[in-house]
């Protein structure tokens, strides 16, 4: 976990045991937004050969906080333009009578909607991984929710155990204080009015029940990760094989 040089929740995915091998070390990275990345941080990424990133954020997020990697030599930034707005956290956070339970409930509702809402974005992201066949960082704003599900899908496709998928997801909580500070300084008094910290905590936390909600939809409605990736995301059998092979050493 790296919080220096402008990184937020930036880390490599561990080389977990997978089908026929392990996840490639130093191949798949996950992160929050890079809008505060310093020159030293960019140099660190280049030293790790992380020169390609996929930005899952919406058009509005990218406009408000453009990625500095767009204008740095040696980096490629990939994206799927979209205006997807997940859930209604604004209503929960702006309500002075709101509770932590209401915030957590809204987060679970957001995760329930992710599989269908982000199918097209995931398709472009995963096809980019196949095409580049090189180390890549996937990121959103916090590196927790959209990134969390994208990485969980990749690990699951590669045959990583659900326990390790959840372990990787929960590692975001090591960045808890940084995410809380970034969230409150960015939004409190600007977008939501004054927000109580106890209501913010469920929003910036990686909670196992959130990820479980998304998997419940994927497994209950679409028959599992591979059928979801084929039938909803739209990857062909050949693409699924290449994607799986690219992740495993």
Protein backbone atom coordinates (compact mmCIF):
# COMPACT_ATOMS: atom_id res chain seq x y z
CA UNK A 1 0.00 0.00 0.00
CA UNK A 2 1.53 3.32 -1.05
CA UNK A 3 0.28 6.71 0.19
CA UNK A 4 3.38 8.73 -0.67
CA UNK A 5 4.09 10.88 -3.74
CA UNK A 6 0.40 11.58 -4.34
CA UNK A 7 -0.75 7.96 -4.58
CA UNK A 8 -4.14 7.01 -3.16
CA UNK A 9 -4.86 3.35 -2.44
CA UNK A 10 -2.28 2.27 -5.04
CA UNK A 11 -1.03 -1.30 -4.85
CA UNK A 12 -0.16 -4.38 -6.84
CA UNK A 13 -2.55 -7.31 -6.73
CA UNK A 14 -0.84 -10.14 -4.87
CA UNK A 15 0.28 -13.27 -6.77
CA UNK A 16 -2.58 -15.36 -5.44
CA UNK A 17 -2.90 -19.03 -6.35
CA UNK A 18 -4.97 -19.38 -9.52
CA UNK A 19 -5.92 -22.10 -12.01
CA UNK A 20 -2.69 -23.70 -13.19
CA UNK A 21 -0.39 -21.19 -11.52
CA UNK A 22 -0.49 -17.86 -9.75
CA UNK A 23 -1.54 -14.32 -10.61
CA UNK A 24 1.43 -12.68 -12.30
CA UNK A 25 3.47 -10.63 -9.86
CA UNK A 26 3.70 -6.96 -10.78
CA UNK A 27 1.18 -7.35 -13.59
CA UNK A 28 -2.12 -6.04 -12.26
CA UNK A 29 -2.32 -2.90 -10.11
CA UNK A 30 -5.28 -1.11 -8.58
CA UNK A 31 -5.56 2.47 -7.41
CA UNK A 32 -7.60 5.51 -6.58
CA UNK A 33 -7.38 8.58 -8.81
CA UNK A 34 -3.98 9.95 -9.80
CA UNK A 35 -4.95 13.63 -9.76
CA UNK A 36 -2.48 14.44 -6.95
CA UNK A 37 0.39 12.34 -8.31
CA UNK A 38 3.79 14.01 -8.04
CA UNK A 39 6.76 13.78 -10.39
CA UNK A 40 8.30 11.30 -7.97
CA UNK A 41 5.13 9.24 -8.03
CA UNK A 42 5.10 9.12 -11.83
CA UNK A 43 8.75 8.08 -11.82
CA UNK A 44 7.92 5.34 -9.34
CA UNK A 45 5.20 4.01 -11.64
CA UNK A 46 7.60 3.98 -14.56
CA UNK A 47 10.17 2.10 -12.48
CA UNK A 48 7.50 -0.57 -11.87
CA UNK A 49 6.67 -0.58 -15.61
CA UNK A 50 3.15 0.61 -14.78
CA UNK A 51 2.84 2.87 -17.81
CA UNK A 52 -0.70 1.96 -18.78
CA UNK A 53 -3.80 2.77 -16.76
CA UNK A 54 -7.50 2.24 -17.29
CA UNK A 55 -9.67 5.00 -15.85
CA UNK A 56 -13.11 3.75 -14.79
CA UNK A 57 -14.35 7.18 -13.71
CA UNK A 58 -17.27 8.99 -15.30
CA UNK A 59 -16.84 11.84 -17.76
CA UNK A 60 -17.76 14.34 -15.04
CA UNK A 61 -15.20 12.97 -12.60
CA UNK A 62 -12.48 13.07 -15.25
CA UNK A 63 -13.38 16.64 -16.17
CA UNK A 64 -13.31 17.84 -12.55
CA UNK A 65 -10.03 16.08 -11.75
CA UNK A 66 -8.14 15.26 -14.93
CA UNK A 67 -5.47 12.59 -14.77
CA UNK A 68 -1.98 14.12 -14.95
CA UNK A 69 -0.87 10.96 -16.73
CA UNK A 70 -2.69 12.19 -19.85
CA UNK A 71 0.04 14.77 -20.40
CA UNK A 72 3.05 12.82 -19.16
CA UNK A 73 5.37 11.21 -21.65
CA UNK A 74 5.61 7.47 -21.40
CA UNK A 75 2.07 6.83 -20.13
CA UNK A 76 -1.07 5.61 -21.86
CA UNK A 77 -4.49 6.28 -20.34
CA UNK A 78 -7.40 4.16 -21.55
CA UNK A 79 -11.08 4.74 -20.84
CA UNK A 80 -14.66 4.09 -21.88
CA UNK A 81 -16.52 7.44 -21.89
CA UNK A 82 -19.65 7.23 -19.76
CA UNK A 83 -21.97 9.23 -17.53
CA UNK A 84 -23.06 6.42 -15.23
CA UNK A 85 -24.18 7.65 -11.85
CA UNK A 86 -24.37 4.85 -9.33
CA UNK A 87 -27.04 5.07 -6.67
CA UNK A 88 -28.03 8.20 -4.79
CA UNK A 89 -25.40 8.83 -2.15
CA UNK A 90 -26.06 12.54 -2.49
CA UNK A 91 -29.53 12.14 -0.98
CA UNK A 92 -28.22 10.01 1.88
CA UNK A 93 -25.26 12.24 2.68
CA UNK A 94 -27.15 15.51 2.41
CA UNK A 95 -29.93 14.37 4.77
CA UNK A 96 -29.08 15.57 8.32
CA UNK A 97 -31.21 12.74 9.70
CA UNK A 98 -29.28 10.08 7.80
CA UNK A 99 -27.64 7.17 9.60
CA UNK A 100 -24.62 4.92 9.02
CA UNK A 101 -27.06 2.10 8.34
CA UNK A 102 -28.73 4.13 5.57
CA UNK A 103 -25.34 4.88 4.00
CA UNK A 104 -24.35 1.21 4.11
CA UNK A 105 -27.70 0.23 2.61
CA UNK A 106 -27.19 2.66 -0.25
CA UNK A 107 -23.71 1.25 -0.86
CA UNK A 108 -25.15 -2.26 -1.14
CA UNK A 109 -27.76 -0.96 -3.59
CA UNK A 110 -24.97 0.61 -5.65
CA UNK A 111 -23.08 -2.68 -5.77
CA UNK A 112 -26.25 -4.52 -6.79
CA UNK A 113 -26.46 -2.22 -9.81
CA UNK A 114 -22.80 -2.40 -10.82
CA UNK A 115 -22.89 -5.63 -12.87
CA UNK A 116 -25.42 -4.34 -15.39
CA UNK A 117 -24.54 -0.64 -15.28
CA UNK A 118 -20.81 -1.17 -15.84
CA UNK A 119 -20.92 -4.10 -18.25
CA UNK A 120 -19.86 -1.92 -21.19
CA UNK A 121 -17.10 -0.20 -19.23
CA UNK A 122 -15.79 -3.55 -18.00
CA UNK A 123 -15.85 -4.87 -21.57
CA UNK A 124 -13.56 -2.09 -22.77
CA UNK A 125 -11.33 -2.41 -19.71
CA UNK A 126 -10.87 -6.16 -20.06
CA UNK A 127 -10.34 -5.98 -23.82
CA UNK A 128 -7.68 -3.35 -23.19
CA UNK A 129 -5.92 -5.74 -20.81
CA UNK A 130 -5.95 -8.39 -23.54
CA UNK A 131 -4.73 -6.02 -26.25
CA UNK A 132 -1.92 -4.39 -24.30
CA UNK A 133 -0.70 -7.63 -22.69
CA UNK A 134 1.43 -5.56 -20.31
CA UNK A 135 1.31 -4.39 -16.69
CA UNK A 136 -1.69 -2.11 -16.07
CA UNK A 137 -3.31 -0.19 -13.24
CA UNK A 138 -7.10 -0.09 -13.05
CA UNK A 139 -8.48 2.86 -11.10
CA UNK A 140 -11.52 4.91 -10.24
CA UNK A 141 -11.79 7.71 -7.67
CA UNK A 142 -11.14 5.78 -4.46
CA UNK A 143 -9.91 2.52 -6.00
CA UNK A 144 -12.49 0.72 -3.90
CA UNK A 145 -15.87 0.11 -5.52
CA UNK A 146 -15.75 0.08 -9.33
CA UNK A 147 -12.09 -0.91 -9.24
CA UNK A 148 -12.86 -3.42 -6.49
CA UNK A 149 -15.45 -5.23 -8.57
CA UNK A 150 -13.37 -5.11 -11.77
CA UNK A 151 -10.39 -6.70 -10.02
CA UNK A 152 -12.63 -9.21 -8.22
CA UNK A 153 -14.02 -10.33 -11.57
CA UNK A 154 -10.54 -10.74 -13.05
CA UNK A 155 -9.29 -12.73 -10.08
CA UNK A 156 -12.40 -14.90 -10.10
CA UNK A 157 -12.01 -15.61 -13.83
CA UNK A 158 -8.42 -16.67 -13.17
CA UNK A 159 -9.58 -19.16 -10.54
CA UNK A 160 -8.50 -17.29 -7.42
CA UNK A 161 -10.42 -18.46 -4.36
CA UNK A 162 -13.28 -16.29 -3.13
CA UNK A 163 -11.46 -15.92 0.20
CA UNK A 164 -8.46 -14.35 -1.58
CA UNK A 165 -10.70 -12.22 -3.78
CA UNK A 166 -12.28 -10.81 -0.62
CA UNK A 167 -8.87 -10.42 1.02
CA UNK A 168 -7.66 -8.29 -1.89
CA UNK A 169 -10.83 -6.19 -1.77
CA UNK A 170 -10.59 -5.58 1.99
CA UNK A 171 -6.98 -4.38 1.75
CA UNK A 172 -8.46 -1.02 0.75
CA UNK A 173 -9.23 -0.50 4.44
CA UNK A 174 -5.50 0.01 4.97
CA UNK A 175 -6.10 3.33 3.19
CA UNK A 176 -9.07 4.19 5.40
CA UNK A 177 -7.71 7.39 6.92
CA UNK A 178 -6.43 8.73 3.60
CA UNK A 179 -9.77 8.02 1.92
CA UNK A 180 -11.71 9.64 4.77
CA UNK A 181 -9.52 12.73 4.66
CA UNK A 182 -9.73 13.00 0.85
CA UNK A 183 -13.51 12.50 0.89
CA UNK A 184 -14.27 15.04 3.62
CA UNK A 185 -11.91 17.72 2.30
CA UNK A 186 -13.26 17.32 -1.21
CA UNK A 187 -16.98 17.08 -0.54
CA UNK A 188 -17.89 18.42 2.88
CA UNK A 189 -19.29 21.91 2.53
CA UNK A 190 -19.12 21.63 -1.27
CA UNK A 191 -21.35 18.89 -2.62
CA UNK A 192 -23.24 17.51 0.36
CA UNK A 193 -23.14 20.21 3.00
CA UNK A 194 -21.84 19.20 6.40
CA UNK A 195 -21.66 15.42 6.63
CA UNK A 196 -21.19 13.52 9.87
CA UNK A 197 -18.12 11.34 9.94
CA UNK A 198 -20.11 8.33 11.17
CA UNK A 199 -22.21 8.53 8.00
CA UNK A 200 -19.13 8.91 5.81
CA UNK A 201 -17.42 5.80 7.21
CA UNK A 202 -19.65 3.24 5.41
CA UNK A 203 -19.08 5.12 2.15
CA UNK A 204 -15.27 5.04 2.30
CA UNK A 205 -15.02 1.53 3.75
CA UNK A 206 -14.50 -1.74 1.90
CA UNK A 207 -17.21 -3.91 3.41
CA UNK A 208 -17.42 -7.60 2.58
CA UNK A 209 -21.21 -7.38 2.33
CA UNK A 210 -20.91 -4.82 -0.49
CA UNK A 211 -18.86 -7.13 -2.68
CA UNK A 212 -21.06 -10.08 -1.72
CA UNK A 213 -24.09 -8.13 -2.97
CA UNK A 214 -22.53 -7.74 -6.42
CA UNK A 215 -21.59 -11.43 -6.54
CA UNK A 216 -25.12 -12.38 -5.46
CA UNK A 217 -26.43 -10.58 -8.56
CA UNK A 218 -23.76 -12.06 -10.83
CA UNK A 219 -24.37 -15.59 -9.58
CA UNK A 220 -28.11 -15.42 -8.96
CA UNK A 221 -29.17 -13.50 -12.04
CA UNK A 222 -26.46 -14.35 -14.55
CA UNK A 223 -25.26 -17.79 -13.49
CA UNK A 224 -21.76 -16.95 -12.30
CA UNK A 225 -18.71 -14.92 -13.24
CA UNK A 226 -17.89 -16.60 -16.55
CA UNK A 227 -21.49 -16.57 -17.88
CA UNK A 228 -21.75 -12.93 -16.77
CA UNK A 229 -18.56 -12.00 -18.61
CA UNK A 230 -19.77 -13.83 -21.70
CA UNK A 231 -23.46 -12.96 -21.81
CA UNK A 232 -23.59 -9.52 -20.19
CA UNK A 233 -20.12 -8.04 -20.66
CA UNK A 234 -19.97 -9.67 -24.09
CA UNK A 235 -16.53 -11.28 -24.11
CA UNK A 236 -16.12 -14.18 -26.52
CA UNK A 237 -14.80 -17.57 -25.45
CA UNK A 238 -11.49 -16.71 -27.09
CA UNK A 239 -11.29 -13.39 -25.27
CA UNK A 240 -12.02 -15.07 -21.96
CA UNK A 241 -9.25 -17.59 -22.58
CA UNK A 242 -6.76 -14.86 -23.52
CA UNK A 243 -7.74 -12.73 -20.55
CA UNK A 244 -7.38 -15.64 -18.17
CA UNK A 245 -4.02 -16.63 -19.65
CA UNK A 246 -2.70 -13.08 -19.45
CA UNK A 247 -3.32 -12.97 -15.71
CA UNK A 248 -1.69 -16.28 -14.78
CA UNK A 249 2.03 -17.02 -14.61
